[in-house]
Amino acid sequence: GAKRVVVLNVSGAFHSALMKEAEDKLIELLSVANSNETGLLAESVNQMAAQLAGSAAVRSELAKEMAARRQAATECAQASQDLKHFTHVVAHDLHDAIREIRAGGDWLAGGSQGESDGDDSQYFAQIRKAAQDLEDLVANLLAFYRVATEGRPVAPTDLNAVVSEVLAELAGTIETTGAAIQVESLPVLEVDPEQIRQVFHHLISNALAFNRPDVPPQVTISAQRLEPFRVSSGGEEEFWEIQVRDNGIGFDTQQAEEMFGTFQQLRDQGSIKGRGMGLAICRRIAERHGGIIRAEGARGEGATFTIRLPESPTTQIPVGL
């Protein structure tokens, strides 16, 4: 009986050892399997992530390309509209000037055959005026065209110095009209110095020209920094808002947008020289710098022209060829 018990005890110990070894082996196998599966799973996840990232990059590039094409289509449509307007206006103005020159020439030709009444001065003046109109027309067309074709690279520019230069150029008009000009502190912006000078020259000249009778012009030039503006690339861009306000004859609010068209003269300009190109040139310059310009006012209550320009453009400014 004792021997049998010993055998059973030995068998139980052997069984336990076998179970322990099998359990350790199973744990080892499971550990290896889990490790391999985890590695495969991680590799699969990484591949999926790479594919998704690639798809996102492709979608981003496609979105940029589509946006660029939409912008190009918009610019092309606008250019086509501008060309149609240019063609109509130029043809009309050239026809008027040529007709005046022909009429004066016909009268002088008749005078040489004894049909003159002896007063030639008005016809010479008529011919000179028509020739001057042609010259002004060509000059304004070239000025508008050169904004894009002859622009200079941008550089840090102190707008206080630019305005001081413009006021010096207009000193005679300022004195004649008795104008009061107030210039507040202006920023330093990365702009094309010559084109920004043109903008201030146009706006201040208009403020001095379109004044109310017996009311000395008052012009205020100010600036303020705006909240950072998020651009399409995902970053932020600092903008400044510059205003030129006057107390002149103003304009109807509903005509504000139309004023920036080429050859537009909405105000009573019977005695004011100009062909309505100044504000169109200002808008073209503002847009070249990645900015905008708008006008507000009321008839008889003055006008305010607001320009928004980036402090340091994040996109490349086109330079004339």
C-alpha atoms as a PDB file:
ATOM      1  CA  GLY A   1       0.000   0.000   0.000  1.00  0.00           C
ATOM      2  CA  ALA A   2       2.855   2.441   0.778  1.00  0.00           C
ATOM      3  CA  LYS A   3       4.525   1.777  -2.559  1.00  0.00           C
ATOM      4  CA  ARG A   4       1.355   2.595  -4.457  1.00  0.00           C
ATOM      5  CA  VAL A   5       1.037   5.879  -2.697  1.00  0.00           C
ATOM      6  CA  VAL A   6       4.575   6.862  -3.600  1.00  0.00           C
ATOM      7  CA  VAL A   7       3.958   6.087  -7.255  1.00  0.00           C
ATOM      8  CA  LEU A   8       0.884   8.209  -7.284  1.00  0.00           C
ATOM      9  CA  ASN A   9       2.731  11.058  -5.609  1.00  0.00           C
ATOM     10  CA  VAL A  10       5.500  10.852  -8.207  1.00  0.00           C
ATOM     11  CA  SER A  11       2.985  10.776 -11.030  1.00  0.00           C
ATOM     12  CA  GLY A  12       1.270  13.868  -9.607  1.00  0.00           C
ATOM     13  CA  ALA A  13       4.558  15.765  -9.432  1.00  0.00           C
ATOM     14  CA  PHE A  14       5.425  14.758 -12.980  1.00  0.00           C
ATOM     15  CA  HIS A  15       2.030  15.878 -14.209  1.00  0.00           C
ATOM     16  CA  SER A  16       2.448  19.251 -12.529  1.00  0.00           C
ATOM     17  CA  ALA A  17       5.865  19.706 -14.100  1.00  0.00           C
ATOM     18  CA  LEU A  18       4.517  18.879 -17.529  1.00  0.00           C
ATOM     19  CA  MET A  19       1.636  21.323 -17.109  1.00  0.00           C
ATOM     20  CA  LYS A  20       3.994  24.056 -15.951  1.00  0.00           C
ATOM     21  CA  GLU A  21       6.278  23.506 -18.954  1.00  0.00           C
ATOM     22  CA  ALA A  22       3.324  23.484 -21.342  1.00  0.00           C
ATOM     23  CA  GLU A  23       1.960  26.671 -19.787  1.00  0.00           C
ATOM     24  CA  ASP A  24       5.343  28.419 -20.101  1.00  0.00           C
ATOM     25  CA  LYS A  25       5.619  27.303 -23.724  1.00  0.00           C
ATOM     26  CA  LEU A  26       2.112  28.517 -24.505  1.00  0.00           C
ATOM     27  CA  ILE A  27       2.838  31.867 -22.925  1.00  0.00           C
ATOM     28  CA  GLU A  28       6.037  32.132 -24.989  1.00  0.00           C
ATOM     29  CA  LEU A  29       4.204  31.249 -28.198  1.00  0.00           C
ATOM     30  CA  LEU A  30       1.400  33.703 -27.442  1.00  0.00           C
ATOM     31  CA  SER A  31       3.949  36.389 -26.648  1.00  0.00           C
ATOM     32  CA  VAL A  32       5.696  35.847 -29.985  1.00  0.00           C
ATOM     33  CA  ALA A  33       2.364  35.773 -31.814  1.00  0.00           C
ATOM     34  CA  ASN A  34       1.179  38.936 -30.105  1.00  0.00           C
ATOM     35  CA  SER A  35       4.465  40.623 -30.870  1.00  0.00           C
ATOM     36  CA  ASN A  36       4.232  39.693 -34.544  1.00  0.00           C
ATOM     37  CA  GLU A  37       0.582  40.714 -34.785  1.00  0.00           C
ATOM     38  CA  THR A  38       1.309  44.011 -33.039  1.00  0.00           C
ATOM     39  CA  GLY A  39       4.131  44.716 -35.456  1.00  0.00           C
ATOM     40  CA  LEU A  40       1.971  43.850 -38.434  1.00  0.00           C
ATOM     41  CA  LEU A  41      -0.864  45.955 -37.079  1.00  0.00           C
ATOM     42  CA  ALA A  42       1.464  48.903 -36.454  1.00  0.00           C
ATOM     43  CA  GLU A  43       2.886  48.572 -39.959  1.00  0.00           C
ATOM     44  CA  SER A  44      -0.614  48.456 -41.400  1.00  0.00           C
ATOM     45  CA  VAL A  45      -1.658  51.533 -39.424  1.00  0.00           C
ATOM     46  CA  ASN A  46       1.456  53.383 -40.583  1.00  0.00           C
ATOM     47  CA  GLN A  47       0.707  52.492 -44.203  1.00  0.00           C
ATOM     48  CA  MET A  48      -2.882  53.689 -43.841  1.00  0.00           C
ATOM     49  CA  ALA A  49      -1.688  56.919 -42.209  1.00  0.00           C
ATOM     50  CA  ALA A  50       0.783  57.496 -45.040  1.00  0.00           C
ATOM     51  CA  GLN A  51      -1.927  56.858 -47.621  1.00  0.00           C
ATOM     52  CA  LEU A  52      -4.307  59.259 -45.850  1.00  0.00           C
ATOM     53  CA  ALA A  53      -1.576  61.885 -45.567  1.00  0.00           C
ATOM     54  CA  GLY A  54      -0.820  61.473 -49.254  1.00  0.00           C
ATOM     55  CA  SER A  55      -4.496  61.788 -50.111  1.00  0.00           C
ATOM     56  CA  ALA A  56      -4.788  64.906 -47.935  1.00  0.00           C
ATOM     57  CA  ALA A  57      -1.750  66.424 -49.645  1.00  0.00           C
ATOM     58  CA  VAL A  58      -3.222  65.649 -53.063  1.00  0.00           C
ATOM     59  CA  ARG A  59      -6.560  67.140 -52.057  1.00  0.00           C
ATOM     60  CA  SER A  60      -4.789  70.214 -50.727  1.00  0.00           C
ATOM     61  CA  GLU A  61      -2.846  70.658 -53.969  1.00  0.00           C
ATOM     62  CA  LEU A  62      -5.988  70.152 -56.018  1.00  0.00           C
ATOM     63  CA  ALA A  63      -7.842  72.696 -53.888  1.00  0.00           C
ATOM     64  CA  LYS A  64      -5.040  75.206 -54.393  1.00  0.00           C
ATOM     65  CA  GLU A  65      -4.987  74.575 -58.128  1.00  0.00           C
ATOM     66  CA  MET A  66      -8.759  74.958 -58.382  1.00  0.00           C
ATOM     67  CA  ALA A  67      -8.632  78.178 -56.367  1.00  0.00           C
ATOM     68  CA  ALA A  68      -5.874  79.504 -58.610  1.00  0.00           C
ATOM     69  CA  ARG A  69      -7.887  78.607 -61.710  1.00  0.00           C
ATOM     70  CA  ARG A  70     -11.008  80.286 -60.323  1.00  0.00           C
ATOM     71  CA  GLN A  71      -8.962  83.390 -59.560  1.00  0.00           C
ATOM     72  CA  ALA A  72      -7.465  83.334 -63.048  1.00  0.00           C
ATOM     73  CA  ALA A  73     -10.934  82.948 -64.570  1.00  0.00           C
ATOM     74  CA  THR A  74     -12.223  85.884 -62.508  1.00  0.00           C
ATOM     75  CA  GLU A  75      -9.280  88.041 -63.530  1.00  0.00           C
ATOM     76  CA  CYS A  76      -9.721  87.028 -67.165  1.00  0.00           C
ATOM     77  CA  ALA A  77     -13.415  87.936 -67.075  1.00  0.00           C
ATOM     78  CA  GLN A  78     -12.597  91.270 -65.450  1.00  0.00           C
ATOM     79  CA  ALA A  79      -9.867  91.945 -68.002  1.00  0.00           C
ATOM     80  CA  SER A  80     -12.316  91.167 -70.796  1.00  0.00           C
ATOM     81  CA  GLN A  81     -14.866  93.548 -69.307  1.00  0.00           C
ATOM     82  CA  ASP A  82     -12.216  96.249 -68.909  1.00  0.00           C
ATOM     83  CA  LEU A  83     -11.128  95.762 -72.506  1.00  0.00           C
ATOM     84  CA  LYS A  84     -14.691  96.176 -73.766  1.00  0.00           C
ATOM     85  CA  HIS A  85     -15.097  99.342 -71.726  1.00  0.00           C
ATOM     86  CA  PHE A  86     -11.721 100.649 -72.870  1.00  0.00           C
ATOM     87  CA  THR A  87     -12.613 100.010 -76.497  1.00  0.00           C
ATOM     88  CA  HIS A  88     -15.912 101.849 -76.219  1.00  0.00           C
ATOM     89  CA  VAL A  89     -14.544 104.844 -74.317  1.00  0.00           C
ATOM     90  CA  VAL A  90     -11.354 105.224 -76.339  1.00  0.00           C
ATOM     91  CA  ALA A  91     -13.231 104.958 -79.624  1.00  0.00           C
ATOM     92  CA  HIS A  92     -15.738 107.576 -78.440  1.00  0.00           C
ATOM     93  CA  ASP A  93     -13.108 110.000 -77.143  1.00  0.00           C
ATOM     94  CA  LEU A  94     -10.850 109.601 -80.144  1.00  0.00           C
ATOM     95  CA  HIS A  95     -13.812 110.193 -82.449  1.00  0.00           C
ATOM     96  CA  ASP A  96     -14.721 113.411 -80.602  1.00  0.00           C
ATOM     97  CA  ALA A  97     -11.160 114.739 -80.701  1.00  0.00           C
ATOM     98  CA  ILE A  98     -10.698 113.886 -84.369  1.00  0.00           C
ATOM     99  CA  ARG A  99     -14.020 115.509 -85.226  1.00  0.00           C
ATOM    100  CA  GLU A 100     -12.959 118.718 -83.464  1.00  0.00           C
ATOM    101  CA  ILE A 101      -9.641 118.755 -85.287  1.00  0.00           C
ATOM    102  CA  ARG A 102     -11.363 118.099 -88.617  1.00  0.00           C
ATOM    103  CA  ALA A 103     -13.902 120.870 -88.003  1.00  0.00           C
ATOM    104  CA  GLY A 104     -11.155 123.354 -87.170  1.00  0.00           C
ATOM    105  CA  GLY A 105      -9.114 122.257 -90.147  1.00  0.00           C
ATOM    106  CA  ASP A 106     -12.101 122.533 -92.478  1.00  0.00           C
ATOM    107  CA  TRP A 107     -12.799 126.048 -91.264  1.00  0.00           C
ATOM    108  CA  LEU A 108      -9.180 127.089 -91.761  1.00  0.00           C
ATOM    109  CA  ALA A 109      -9.188 125.529 -95.198  1.00  0.00           C
ATOM    110  CA  GLY A 110     -12.289 127.515 -96.031  1.00  0.00           C
ATOM    111  CA  GLY A 111     -10.674 130.682 -94.677  1.00  0.00           C
ATOM    112  CA  SER A 112      -7.745 130.260 -96.999  1.00  0.00           C
ATOM    113  CA  GLN A 113     -10.243 130.448 -99.877  1.00  0.00           C
ATOM    114  CA  GLY A 114     -11.777 133.691 -98.657  1.00  0.00           C
ATOM    115  CA  GLU A 115     -14.597 132.186 -96.542  1.00  0.00           C
ATOM    116  CA  SER A 116     -13.141 133.162 -93.148  1.00  0.00           C
ATOM    117  CA  ASP A 117     -14.811 135.776 -90.959  1.00  0.00           C
ATOM    118  CA  GLY A 118     -11.380 136.902 -89.773  1.00  0.00           C
ATOM    119  CA  ASP A 119     -11.525 135.406 -86.251  1.00  0.00           C
ATOM    120  CA  ASP A 120      -9.224 132.405 -86.371  1.00  0.00           C
ATOM    121  CA  SER A 121      -8.345 132.279 -82.670  1.00  0.00           C
ATOM    122  CA  GLN A 122     -11.314 130.166 -81.592  1.00  0.00           C
ATOM    123  CA  TYR A 123     -10.533 127.520 -84.196  1.00  0.00           C
ATOM    124  CA  PHE A 124      -6.865 127.349 -83.250  1.00  0.00           C
ATOM    125  CA  ALA A 125      -7.972 127.004 -79.614  1.00  0.00           C
ATOM    126  CA  GLN A 126     -10.388 124.259 -80.648  1.00  0.00           C
ATOM    127  CA  ILE A 127      -7.637 122.331 -82.408  1.00  0.00           C
ATOM    128  CA  ARG A 128      -5.245 122.770 -79.478  1.00  0.00           C
ATOM    129  CA  LYS A 129      -7.880 121.537 -77.024  1.00  0.00           C
ATOM    130  CA  ALA A 130      -8.641 118.486 -79.131  1.00  0.00           C
ATOM    131  CA  ALA A 131      -4.940 117.669 -79.389  1.00  0.00           C
ATOM    132  CA  GLN A 132      -4.569 118.085 -75.610  1.00  0.00           C
ATOM    133  CA  ASP A 133      -7.522 115.747 -75.053  1.00  0.00           C
ATOM    134  CA  LEU A 134      -5.825 113.116 -77.194  1.00  0.00           C
ATOM    135  CA  GLU A 135      -2.574 113.542 -75.293  1.00  0.00           C
ATOM    136  CA  ASP A 136      -4.363 113.251 -71.929  1.00  0.00           C
ATOM    137  CA  LEU A 137      -6.221 110.160 -73.081  1.00  0.00           C
ATOM    138  CA  VAL A 138      -3.030 108.396 -74.122  1.00  0.00           C
ATOM    139  CA  ALA A 139      -1.235 109.457 -70.918  1.00  0.00           C
ATOM    140  CA  ASN A 140      -4.028 108.081 -68.718  1.00  0.00           C
ATOM    141  CA  LEU A 141      -4.155 104.818 -70.611  1.00  0.00           C
ATOM    142  CA  LEU A 142      -0.411 104.402 -70.224  1.00  0.00           C
ATOM    143  CA  ALA A 143      -0.572 105.233 -66.504  1.00  0.00           C
ATOM    144  CA  PHE A 144      -3.259 102.583 -65.969  1.00  0.00           C
ATOM    145  CA  TYR A 145      -1.369  99.998 -68.007  1.00  0.00           C
ATOM    146  CA  ARG A 146       1.973 100.671 -66.308  1.00  0.00           C
ATOM    147  CA  VAL A 147       0.674  99.828 -62.838  1.00  0.00           C
ATOM    148  CA  ALA A 148       1.115  96.156 -63.701  1.00  0.00           C
ATOM    149  CA  THR A 149       3.842  96.325 -66.335  1.00  0.00           C
ATOM    150  CA  GLU A 150       6.283  98.762 -64.744  1.00  0.00           C
ATOM    151  CA  GLY A 151       5.785  98.187 -61.028  1.00  0.00           C
ATOM    152  CA  ARG A 152       8.868  98.197 -58.827  1.00  0.00           C
ATOM    153  CA  PRO A 153       9.734  95.708 -56.057  1.00  0.00           C
ATOM    154  CA  VAL A 154       8.244  96.514 -52.664  1.00  0.00           C
ATOM    155  CA  ALA A 155      10.432  97.996 -49.949  1.00  0.00           C
ATOM    156  CA  PRO A 156       9.874  99.300 -46.400  1.00  0.00           C
ATOM    157  CA  THR A 157       8.383 102.752 -46.991  1.00  0.00           C
ATOM    158  CA  ASP A 158       7.557 105.454 -44.457  1.00  0.00           C
ATOM    159  CA  LEU A 159       4.140 106.739 -45.495  1.00  0.00           C
ATOM    160  CA  ASN A 160       4.709 109.930 -43.491  1.00  0.00           C
ATOM    161  CA  ALA A 161       7.558 110.817 -45.853  1.00  0.00           C
ATOM    162  CA  VAL A 162       5.456 109.907 -48.903  1.00  0.00           C
ATOM    163  CA  VAL A 163       2.582 112.160 -47.841  1.00  0.00           C
ATOM    164  CA  SER A 164       4.996 115.008 -47.027  1.00  0.00           C
ATOM    165  CA  GLU A 165       6.385 114.726 -50.559  1.00  0.00           C
ATOM    166  CA  VAL A 166       2.891 114.831 -52.073  1.00  0.00           C
ATOM    167  CA  LEU A 167       1.901 117.850 -49.990  1.00  0.00           C
ATOM    168  CA  ALA A 168       5.025 119.663 -51.163  1.00  0.00           C
ATOM    169  CA  GLU A 169       4.021 118.960 -54.768  1.00  0.00           C
ATOM    170  CA  LEU A 170       0.522 120.325 -54.097  1.00  0.00           C
ATOM    171  CA  ALA A 171       1.657 123.325 -52.052  1.00  0.00           C
ATOM    172  CA  GLY A 172       0.413 125.822 -54.648  1.00  0.00           C
ATOM    173  CA  THR A 173      -3.093 124.328 -54.762  1.00  0.00           C
ATOM    174  CA  ILE A 174      -3.215 124.056 -50.980  1.00  0.00           C
ATOM    175  CA  GLU A 175      -2.362 127.745 -50.639  1.00  0.00           C
ATOM    176  CA  THR A 176      -4.793 128.842 -53.364  1.00  0.00           C
ATOM    177  CA  THR A 177      -7.731 126.923 -51.896  1.00  0.00           C
ATOM    178  CA  GLY A 178      -6.877 127.763 -48.278  1.00  0.00           C
ATOM    179  CA  ALA A 179      -6.966 124.071 -47.451  1.00  0.00           C
ATOM    180  CA  ALA A 180      -6.209 122.688 -44.001  1.00  0.00           C
ATOM    181  CA  ILE A 181      -4.397 119.336 -44.117  1.00  0.00           C
ATOM    182  CA  GLN A 182      -4.117 117.177 -41.007  1.00  0.00           C
ATOM    183  CA  VAL A 183      -1.780 114.184 -41.167  1.00  0.00           C
ATOM    184  CA  GLU A 184      -1.793 111.734 -38.282  1.00  0.00           C
ATOM    185  CA  SER A 185       0.954 109.194 -37.620  1.00  0.00           C
ATOM    186  CA  LEU A 186       1.279 106.798 -40.544  1.00  0.00           C
ATOM    187  CA  PRO A 187       2.991 103.385 -40.618  1.00  0.00           C
ATOM    188  CA  VAL A 188       5.964 101.957 -42.470  1.00  0.00           C
ATOM    189  CA  LEU A 189       4.718  99.396 -45.002  1.00  0.00           C
ATOM    190  CA  GLU A 190       6.371  97.190 -47.598  1.00  0.00           C
ATOM    191  CA  VAL A 191       5.059  98.787 -50.790  1.00  0.00           C
ATOM    192  CA  ASP A 192       6.102 100.134 -54.159  1.00  0.00           C
ATOM    193  CA  PRO A 193       7.031 103.703 -53.089  1.00  0.00           C
ATOM    194  CA  GLU A 194       6.225 105.366 -56.414  1.00  0.00           C
ATOM    195  CA  GLN A 195       2.835 103.706 -56.781  1.00  0.00           C
ATOM    196  CA  ILE A 196       1.792 104.528 -53.219  1.00  0.00           C
ATOM    197  CA  ARG A 197       2.816 108.124 -53.906  1.00  0.00           C
ATOM    198  CA  GLN A 198       0.447 108.065 -56.890  1.00  0.00           C
ATOM    199  CA  VAL A 199      -2.404 106.870 -54.674  1.00  0.00           C
ATOM    200  CA  PHE A 200      -1.943 109.662 -52.133  1.00  0.00           C
ATOM    201  CA  HIS A 201      -1.483 112.221 -54.911  1.00  0.00           C
ATOM    202  CA  HIS A 202      -4.769 111.212 -56.558  1.00  0.00           C
ATOM    203  CA  LEU A 203      -6.768 111.125 -53.332  1.00  0.00           C
ATOM    204  CA  ILE A 204      -5.448 114.409 -51.914  1.00  0.00           C
ATOM    205  CA  SER A 205      -5.766 116.147 -55.294  1.00  0.00           C
ATOM    206  CA  ASN A 206      -9.396 115.026 -55.497  1.00  0.00           C
ATOM    207  CA  ALA A 207     -10.064 116.293 -51.987  1.00  0.00           C
ATOM    208  CA  LEU A 208      -8.692 119.710 -52.957  1.00  0.00           C
ATOM    209  CA  ALA A 209     -10.483 119.831 -56.322  1.00  0.00           C
ATOM    210  CA  PHE A 210     -13.963 118.710 -55.317  1.00  0.00           C
ATOM    211  CA  ASN A 211     -14.522 121.287 -52.591  1.00  0.00           C
ATOM    212  CA  ARG A 212     -17.752 123.132 -51.845  1.00  0.00           C
ATOM    213  CA  PRO A 213     -18.016 126.770 -52.947  1.00  0.00           C
ATOM    214  CA  ASP A 214     -16.743 129.211 -50.311  1.00  0.00           C
ATOM    215  CA  VAL A 215     -15.802 126.320 -47.983  1.00  0.00           C
ATOM    216  CA  PRO A 216     -12.024 125.816 -47.600  1.00  0.00           C
ATOM    217  CA  PRO A 217     -11.065 122.153 -48.003  1.00  0.00           C
ATOM    218  CA  GLN A 218     -10.297 120.177 -44.861  1.00  0.00           C
ATOM    219  CA  VAL A 219      -8.415 116.937 -45.425  1.00  0.00           C
ATOM    220  CA  THR A 220      -7.503 114.392 -42.746  1.00  0.00           C
ATOM    221  CA  ILE A 221      -5.149 111.480 -43.387  1.00  0.00           C
ATOM    222  CA  SER A 222      -5.057 108.782 -40.707  1.00  0.00           C
ATOM    223  CA  ALA A 223      -4.154 105.119 -40.198  1.00  0.00           C
ATOM    224  CA  GLN A 224      -4.876 102.265 -37.815  1.00  0.00           C
ATOM    225  CA  ARG A 225      -3.638  98.701 -37.467  1.00  0.00           C
ATOM    226  CA  LEU A 226      -6.310  96.029 -37.929  1.00  0.00           C
ATOM    227  CA  GLU A 227      -6.658  92.658 -36.251  1.00  0.00           C
ATOM    228  CA  PRO A 228      -4.486  89.961 -37.897  1.00  0.00           C
ATOM    229  CA  PHE A 229      -6.190  88.495 -40.941  1.00  0.00           C
ATOM    230  CA  ARG A 230      -5.986  84.747 -41.642  1.00  0.00           C
ATOM    231  CA  VAL A 231      -4.857  84.066 -45.205  1.00  0.00           C
ATOM    232  CA  SER A 232      -5.547  81.013 -47.384  1.00  0.00           C
ATOM    233  CA  SER A 233      -2.130  79.494 -46.633  1.00  0.00           C
ATOM    234  CA  GLY A 234      -3.141  79.136 -42.995  1.00  0.00           C
ATOM    235  CA  GLY A 235      -0.969  81.901 -41.580  1.00  0.00           C
ATOM    236  CA  GLU A 236      -1.901  85.392 -40.442  1.00  0.00           C
ATOM    237  CA  GLU A 237      -1.217  88.725 -42.090  1.00  0.00           C
ATOM    238  CA  GLU A 238      -1.096  92.171 -40.522  1.00  0.00           C
ATOM    239  CA  PHE A 239      -3.145  94.830 -42.286  1.00  0.00           C
ATOM    240  CA  TRP A 240      -3.324  98.597 -41.958  1.00  0.00           C
ATOM    241  CA  GLU A 241      -6.310 100.764 -42.783  1.00  0.00           C
ATOM    242  CA  ILE A 242      -5.484 104.206 -44.178  1.00  0.00           C
ATOM    243  CA  GLN A 243      -8.154 106.872 -44.635  1.00  0.00           C
ATOM    244  CA  VAL A 244      -8.275 110.136 -46.558  1.00  0.00           C
ATOM    245  CA  ARG A 245     -11.316 112.192 -45.474  1.00  0.00           C
ATOM    246  CA  ASP A 246     -12.503 115.498 -46.873  1.00  0.00           C
ATOM    247  CA  ASN A 247     -15.365 117.958 -46.407  1.00  0.00           C
ATOM    248  CA  GLY A 248     -16.039 118.434 -50.104  1.00  0.00           C
ATOM    249  CA  ILE A 249     -19.072 117.987 -52.319  1.00  0.00           C
ATOM    250  CA  GLY A 250     -19.288 114.241 -51.694  1.00  0.00           C
ATOM    251  CA  PHE A 251     -21.176 111.787 -53.881  1.00  0.00           C
ATOM    252  CA  ASP A 252     -24.200 109.499 -53.861  1.00  0.00           C
ATOM    253  CA  THR A 253     -23.481 106.349 -51.862  1.00  0.00           C
ATOM    254  CA  GLN A 254     -24.973 104.059 -54.502  1.00  0.00           C
ATOM    255  CA  GLN A 255     -22.335 105.312 -56.948  1.00  0.00           C
ATOM    256  CA  ALA A 256     -19.383 104.425 -54.713  1.00  0.00           C
ATOM    257  CA  GLU A 257     -18.379 101.268 -56.590  1.00  0.00           C
ATOM    258  CA  GLU A 258     -18.926 102.804 -60.008  1.00  0.00           C
ATOM    259  CA  MET A 259     -16.457 105.579 -59.179  1.00  0.00           C
ATOM    260  CA  PHE A 260     -13.546 103.151 -59.457  1.00  0.00           C
ATOM    261  CA  GLY A 261     -14.309 102.236 -63.052  1.00  0.00           C
ATOM    262  CA  THR A 262     -12.104 103.538 -65.834  1.00  0.00           C
ATOM    263  CA  PHE A 263     -13.077 106.928 -67.293  1.00  0.00           C
ATOM    264  CA  GLN A 264     -15.749 107.494 -64.649  1.00  0.00           C
ATOM    265  CA  GLN A 265     -16.638 111.050 -63.639  1.00  0.00           C
ATOM    266  CA  LEU A 266     -19.635 111.050 -61.348  1.00  0.00           C
ATOM    267  CA  ARG A 267     -19.207 114.469 -59.848  1.00  0.00           C
ATOM    268  CA  ASP A 268     -19.923 117.820 -61.452  1.00  0.00           C
ATOM    269  CA  GLN A 269     -16.597 118.324 -63.218  1.00  0.00           C
ATOM    270  CA  GLY A 270     -17.510 121.109 -65.556  1.00  0.00           C
ATOM    271  CA  SER A 271     -14.487 123.190 -64.556  1.00  0.00           C
ATOM    272  CA  ILE A 272     -12.244 120.375 -63.275  1.00  0.00           C
ATOM    273  CA  LYS A 273      -9.562 118.838 -65.436  1.00  0.00           C
ATOM    274  CA  GLY A 274      -9.416 115.068 -65.543  1.00  0.00           C
ATOM    275  CA  ARG A 275     -10.640 112.011 -67.376  1.00  0.00           C
ATOM    276  CA  GLY A 276     -11.897 109.818 -64.527  1.00  0.00           C
ATOM    277  CA  MET A 277      -8.858 107.507 -64.421  1.00  0.00           C
ATOM    278  CA  GLY A 278      -7.403 108.452 -61.044  1.00  0.00           C
ATOM    279  CA  LEU A 279      -9.514 106.174 -58.845  1.00  0.00           C
ATOM    280  CA  ALA A 280      -9.230 103.294 -61.315  1.00  0.00           C
ATOM    281  CA  ILE A 281      -5.447 103.594 -61.051  1.00  0.00           C
ATOM    282  CA  CYS A 282      -5.691 103.720 -57.227  1.00  0.00           C
ATOM    283  CA  ARG A 283      -7.704 100.506 -57.182  1.00  0.00           C
ATOM    284  CA  ARG A 284      -5.290  98.786 -59.550  1.00  0.00           C
ATOM    285  CA  ILE A 285      -2.361  99.763 -57.302  1.00  0.00           C
ATOM    286  CA  ALA A 286      -4.134  98.612 -54.119  1.00  0.00           C
ATOM    287  CA  GLU A 287      -4.977  95.248 -55.682  1.00  0.00           C
ATOM    288  CA  ARG A 288      -1.405  94.779 -56.911  1.00  0.00           C
ATOM    289  CA  HIS A 289      -0.302  95.112 -53.263  1.00  0.00           C
ATOM    290  CA  GLY A 290      -2.847  92.546 -52.064  1.00  0.00           C
ATOM    291  CA  GLY A 291      -5.125  95.240 -50.668  1.00  0.00           C
ATOM    292  CA  ILE A 292      -8.435  96.951 -51.375  1.00  0.00           C
ATOM    293  CA  ILE A 293      -9.798 100.480 -51.629  1.00  0.00           C
ATOM    294  CA  ARG A 294     -13.347 101.659 -51.081  1.00  0.00           C
ATOM    295  CA  ALA A 295     -15.231 104.947 -50.873  1.00  0.00           C
ATOM    296  CA  GLU A 296     -17.949 106.259 -48.579  1.00  0.00           C
ATOM    297  CA  GLY A 297     -19.714 109.581 -48.609  1.00  0.00           C
ATOM    298  CA  ALA A 298     -22.869 111.598 -49.069  1.00  0.00           C
ATOM    299  CA  ARG A 299     -23.605 114.423 -51.446  1.00  0.00           C
ATOM    300  CA  GLY A 300     -22.706 117.726 -49.825  1.00  0.00           C
ATOM    301  CA  GLU A 301     -21.098 116.034 -46.814  1.00  0.00           C
ATOM    302  CA  GLY A 302     -17.659 115.030 -48.026  1.00  0.00           C
ATOM    303  CA  ALA A 303     -16.036 111.726 -48.841  1.00  0.00           C
ATOM    304  CA  THR A 304     -13.849 109.118 -47.148  1.00  0.00           C
ATOM    305  CA  PHE A 305     -11.503 106.869 -49.095  1.00  0.00           C
ATOM    306  CA  THR A 306     -10.249 103.825 -47.217  1.00  0.00           C
ATOM    307  CA  ILE A 307      -7.268 101.726 -48.281  1.00  0.00           C
ATOM    308  CA  ARG A 308      -6.386  98.424 -46.615  1.00  0.00           C
ATOM    309  CA  LEU A 309      -2.855  97.204 -47.235  1.00  0.00           C
ATOM    310  CA  PRO A 310      -0.778  94.374 -45.734  1.00  0.00           C
ATOM    311  CA  GLU A 311       2.103  95.482 -43.555  1.00  0.00           C
ATOM    312  CA  SER A 312       4.380  92.905 -45.162  1.00  0.00           C
ATOM    313  CA  PRO A 313       2.750  90.978 -48.019  1.00  0.00           C
ATOM    314  CA  THR A 314       2.836  87.186 -47.629  1.00  0.00           C
ATOM    315  CA  THR A 315       2.350  86.683 -51.351  1.00  0.00           C
ATOM    316  CA  GLN A 316       4.761  87.824 -54.016  1.00  0.00           C
ATOM    317  CA  ILE A 317       3.923  91.213 -55.500  1.00  0.00           C
ATOM    318  CA  PRO A 318       4.105  91.124 -59.321  1.00  0.00           C
ATOM    319  CA  VAL A 319       6.904  93.271 -60.735  1.00  0.00           C
ATOM    320  CA  GLY A 320       6.763  94.852 -64.177  1.00  0.00           C
ATOM    321  CA  LEU A 321       8.593  93.135 -66.972  1.00  0.00           C
END
